[in-house]
């Protein structure tokens, strides 16, 4: 079976392009977070009357999170730590704001 230089070059190019494509997909698919950092913010809108007493008009909590990715070189005593080694974290915050009437909340 006789193969020409063009056929060998074509096969080598196809293999190189295929390997580059497969390895780039595998590298991207490994990127998953180690945990989620949650933020819970409680918003409270209130009105202060002339006599000094206040009235809470509305109060709600907004929750969001961001994924936290581990360092590529994170090791513990030379061994690789699994990517799901950390528990999810939670931060709590409060935002209060006052208005002249509850209709403005």
C-alpha atoms as a PDB file:
ATOM      1  CA  UNK A   1       0.000   0.000   0.000  1.00  0.00           C
ATOM      2  CA  UNK A   2       1.553   3.217  -1.151  1.00  0.00           C
ATOM      3  CA  UNK A   3       0.767   6.499   0.665  1.00  0.00           C
ATOM      4  CA  UNK A   4       1.745   9.873  -0.542  1.00  0.00           C
ATOM      5  CA  UNK A   5       3.219  12.706   1.472  1.00  0.00           C
ATOM      6  CA  UNK A   6      -0.021  14.705   1.033  1.00  0.00           C
ATOM      7  CA  UNK A   7      -2.098  11.927   2.593  1.00  0.00           C
ATOM      8  CA  UNK A   8       0.245  11.590   5.564  1.00  0.00           C
ATOM      9  CA  UNK A   9       0.268  15.358   6.079  1.00  0.00           C
ATOM     10  CA  UNK A  10      -3.534  15.482   5.923  1.00  0.00           C
ATOM     11  CA  UNK A  11      -3.917  12.692   8.492  1.00  0.00           C
ATOM     12  CA  UNK A  12      -1.408  14.317  10.855  1.00  0.00           C
ATOM     13  CA  UNK A  13      -3.164  17.702  10.572  1.00  0.00           C
ATOM     14  CA  UNK A  14      -6.563  16.126  11.282  1.00  0.00           C
ATOM     15  CA  UNK A  15      -5.193  14.341  14.345  1.00  0.00           C
ATOM     16  CA  UNK A  16      -3.566  17.522  15.679  1.00  0.00           C
ATOM     17  CA  UNK A  17      -6.719  19.609  15.217  1.00  0.00           C
ATOM     18  CA  UNK A  18      -8.839  16.857  16.777  1.00  0.00           C
ATOM     19  CA  UNK A  19      -6.583  16.555  19.818  1.00  0.00           C
ATOM     20  CA  UNK A  20      -6.540  20.322  20.341  1.00  0.00           C
ATOM     21  CA  UNK A  21     -10.327  20.380  20.234  1.00  0.00           C
ATOM     22  CA  UNK A  22     -10.755  17.485  22.666  1.00  0.00           C
ATOM     23  CA  UNK A  23      -8.222  18.772  25.188  1.00  0.00           C
ATOM     24  CA  UNK A  24      -9.681  22.295  25.172  1.00  0.00           C
ATOM     25  CA  UNK A  25     -13.159  20.897  25.920  1.00  0.00           C
ATOM     26  CA  UNK A  26     -11.864  18.729  28.758  1.00  0.00           C
ATOM     27  CA  UNK A  27     -10.016  21.654  30.339  1.00  0.00           C
ATOM     28  CA  UNK A  28     -13.135  23.849  30.236  1.00  0.00           C
ATOM     29  CA  UNK A  29     -15.398  21.156  31.635  1.00  0.00           C
ATOM     30  CA  UNK A  30     -13.249  20.774  34.770  1.00  0.00           C
ATOM     31  CA  UNK A  31     -14.042  24.307  35.932  1.00  0.00           C
ATOM     32  CA  UNK A  32     -16.628  23.838  38.680  1.00  0.00           C
ATOM     33  CA  UNK A  33     -16.864  25.816  41.908  1.00  0.00           C
ATOM     34  CA  UNK A  34     -15.659  24.500  45.243  1.00  0.00           C
ATOM     35  CA  UNK A  35     -18.606  26.130  47.015  1.00  0.00           C
ATOM     36  CA  UNK A  36     -21.137  28.958  46.757  1.00  0.00           C
ATOM     37  CA  UNK A  37     -20.842  32.200  48.720  1.00  0.00           C
ATOM     38  CA  UNK A  38     -24.393  33.292  49.573  1.00  0.00           C
ATOM     39  CA  UNK A  39     -25.341  36.854  50.510  1.00  0.00           C
ATOM     40  CA  UNK A  40     -28.654  37.530  52.277  1.00  0.00           C
ATOM     41  CA  UNK A  41     -29.663  41.212  52.464  1.00  0.00           C
ATOM     42  CA  UNK A  42     -32.754  42.313  54.378  1.00  0.00           C
ATOM     43  CA  UNK A  43     -34.246  45.563  53.067  1.00  0.00           C
ATOM     44  CA  UNK A  44     -36.590  47.498  55.355  1.00  0.00           C
ATOM     45  CA  UNK A  45     -38.496  50.623  54.342  1.00  0.00           C
ATOM     46  CA  UNK A  46     -40.085  52.659  57.122  1.00  0.00           C
ATOM     47  CA  UNK A  47     -41.766  55.996  57.829  1.00  0.00           C
ATOM     48  CA  UNK A  48     -41.028  58.095  60.921  1.00  0.00           C
ATOM     49  CA  UNK A  49     -44.060  60.059  62.106  1.00  0.00           C
ATOM     50  CA  UNK A  50     -43.942  63.540  63.632  1.00  0.00           C
ATOM     51  CA  UNK A  51     -44.395  62.104  67.127  1.00  0.00           C
ATOM     52  CA  UNK A  52     -41.160  60.092  66.748  1.00  0.00           C
ATOM     53  CA  UNK A  53     -42.748  56.697  66.257  1.00  0.00           C
ATOM     54  CA  UNK A  54     -42.031  54.736  63.145  1.00  0.00           C
ATOM     55  CA  UNK A  55     -44.041  52.472  60.909  1.00  0.00           C
ATOM     56  CA  UNK A  56     -42.493  49.667  58.901  1.00  0.00           C
ATOM     57  CA  UNK A  57     -43.981  49.775  55.420  1.00  0.00           C
ATOM     58  CA  UNK A  58     -42.246  46.859  53.767  1.00  0.00           C
ATOM     59  CA  UNK A  59     -39.492  44.407  54.510  1.00  0.00           C
ATOM     60  CA  UNK A  60     -38.025  41.741  52.261  1.00  0.00           C
ATOM     61  CA  UNK A  61     -34.892  39.650  51.929  1.00  0.00           C
ATOM     62  CA  UNK A  62     -32.874  39.409  48.727  1.00  0.00           C
ATOM     63  CA  UNK A  63     -30.651  36.336  48.406  1.00  0.00           C
ATOM     64  CA  UNK A  64     -27.919  35.832  45.856  1.00  0.00           C
ATOM     65  CA  UNK A  65     -24.764  33.797  45.482  1.00  0.00           C
ATOM     66  CA  UNK A  66     -21.533  33.665  43.549  1.00  0.00           C
ATOM     67  CA  UNK A  67     -19.534  30.541  42.785  1.00  0.00           C
ATOM     68  CA  UNK A  68     -16.086  30.356  44.376  1.00  0.00           C
ATOM     69  CA  UNK A  69     -13.452  28.549  42.358  1.00  0.00           C
ATOM     70  CA  UNK A  70     -10.437  26.931  44.037  1.00  0.00           C
ATOM     71  CA  UNK A  71      -6.880  27.718  43.105  1.00  0.00           C
ATOM     72  CA  UNK A  72      -5.409  25.445  40.438  1.00  0.00           C
ATOM     73  CA  UNK A  73      -2.490  24.650  42.741  1.00  0.00           C
ATOM     74  CA  UNK A  74      -4.414  24.150  45.988  1.00  0.00           C
ATOM     75  CA  UNK A  75      -2.867  21.228  47.845  1.00  0.00           C
ATOM     76  CA  UNK A  76      -2.796  19.970  51.404  1.00  0.00           C
ATOM     77  CA  UNK A  77       0.541  18.354  52.222  1.00  0.00           C
ATOM     78  CA  UNK A  78       1.238  17.643  48.574  1.00  0.00           C
ATOM     79  CA  UNK A  79      -2.103  15.936  47.896  1.00  0.00           C
ATOM     80  CA  UNK A  80      -4.851  17.404  45.777  1.00  0.00           C
ATOM     81  CA  UNK A  81      -7.939  18.512  47.708  1.00  0.00           C
ATOM     82  CA  UNK A  82     -11.263  17.685  45.999  1.00  0.00           C
ATOM     83  CA  UNK A  83     -13.090  20.634  44.507  1.00  0.00           C
ATOM     84  CA  UNK A  84     -16.084  20.199  46.829  1.00  0.00           C
ATOM     85  CA  UNK A  85     -14.075  20.424  50.054  1.00  0.00           C
ATOM     86  CA  UNK A  86     -15.636  23.661  51.378  1.00  0.00           C
ATOM     87  CA  UNK A  87     -19.120  24.213  52.747  1.00  0.00           C
ATOM     88  CA  UNK A  88     -21.244  27.006  51.348  1.00  0.00           C
ATOM     89  CA  UNK A  89     -20.765  30.316  53.167  1.00  0.00           C
ATOM     90  CA  UNK A  90     -23.510  32.744  54.161  1.00  0.00           C
ATOM     91  CA  UNK A  91     -23.194  36.486  54.808  1.00  0.00           C
ATOM     92  CA  UNK A  92     -26.038  38.567  56.203  1.00  0.00           C
ATOM     93  CA  UNK A  93     -26.563  42.292  55.698  1.00  0.00           C
ATOM     94  CA  UNK A  94     -29.292  44.813  56.512  1.00  0.00           C
ATOM     95  CA  UNK A  95     -30.298  47.891  54.524  1.00  0.00           C
ATOM     96  CA  UNK A  96     -32.721  50.347  56.175  1.00  0.00           C
ATOM     97  CA  UNK A  97     -34.144  53.369  54.431  1.00  0.00           C
ATOM     98  CA  UNK A  98     -36.867  55.838  55.362  1.00  0.00           C
ATOM     99  CA  UNK A  99     -39.396  57.629  53.194  1.00  0.00           C
ATOM    100  CA  UNK A 100     -41.969  60.315  53.869  1.00  0.00           C
ATOM    101  CA  UNK A 101     -44.877  57.913  53.208  1.00  0.00           C
ATOM    102  CA  UNK A 102     -45.375  54.183  52.689  1.00  0.00           C
ATOM    103  CA  UNK A 103     -46.508  54.768  49.112  1.00  0.00           C
ATOM    104  CA  UNK A 104     -42.898  55.741  48.253  1.00  0.00           C
ATOM    105  CA  UNK A 105     -41.490  52.416  49.443  1.00  0.00           C
END
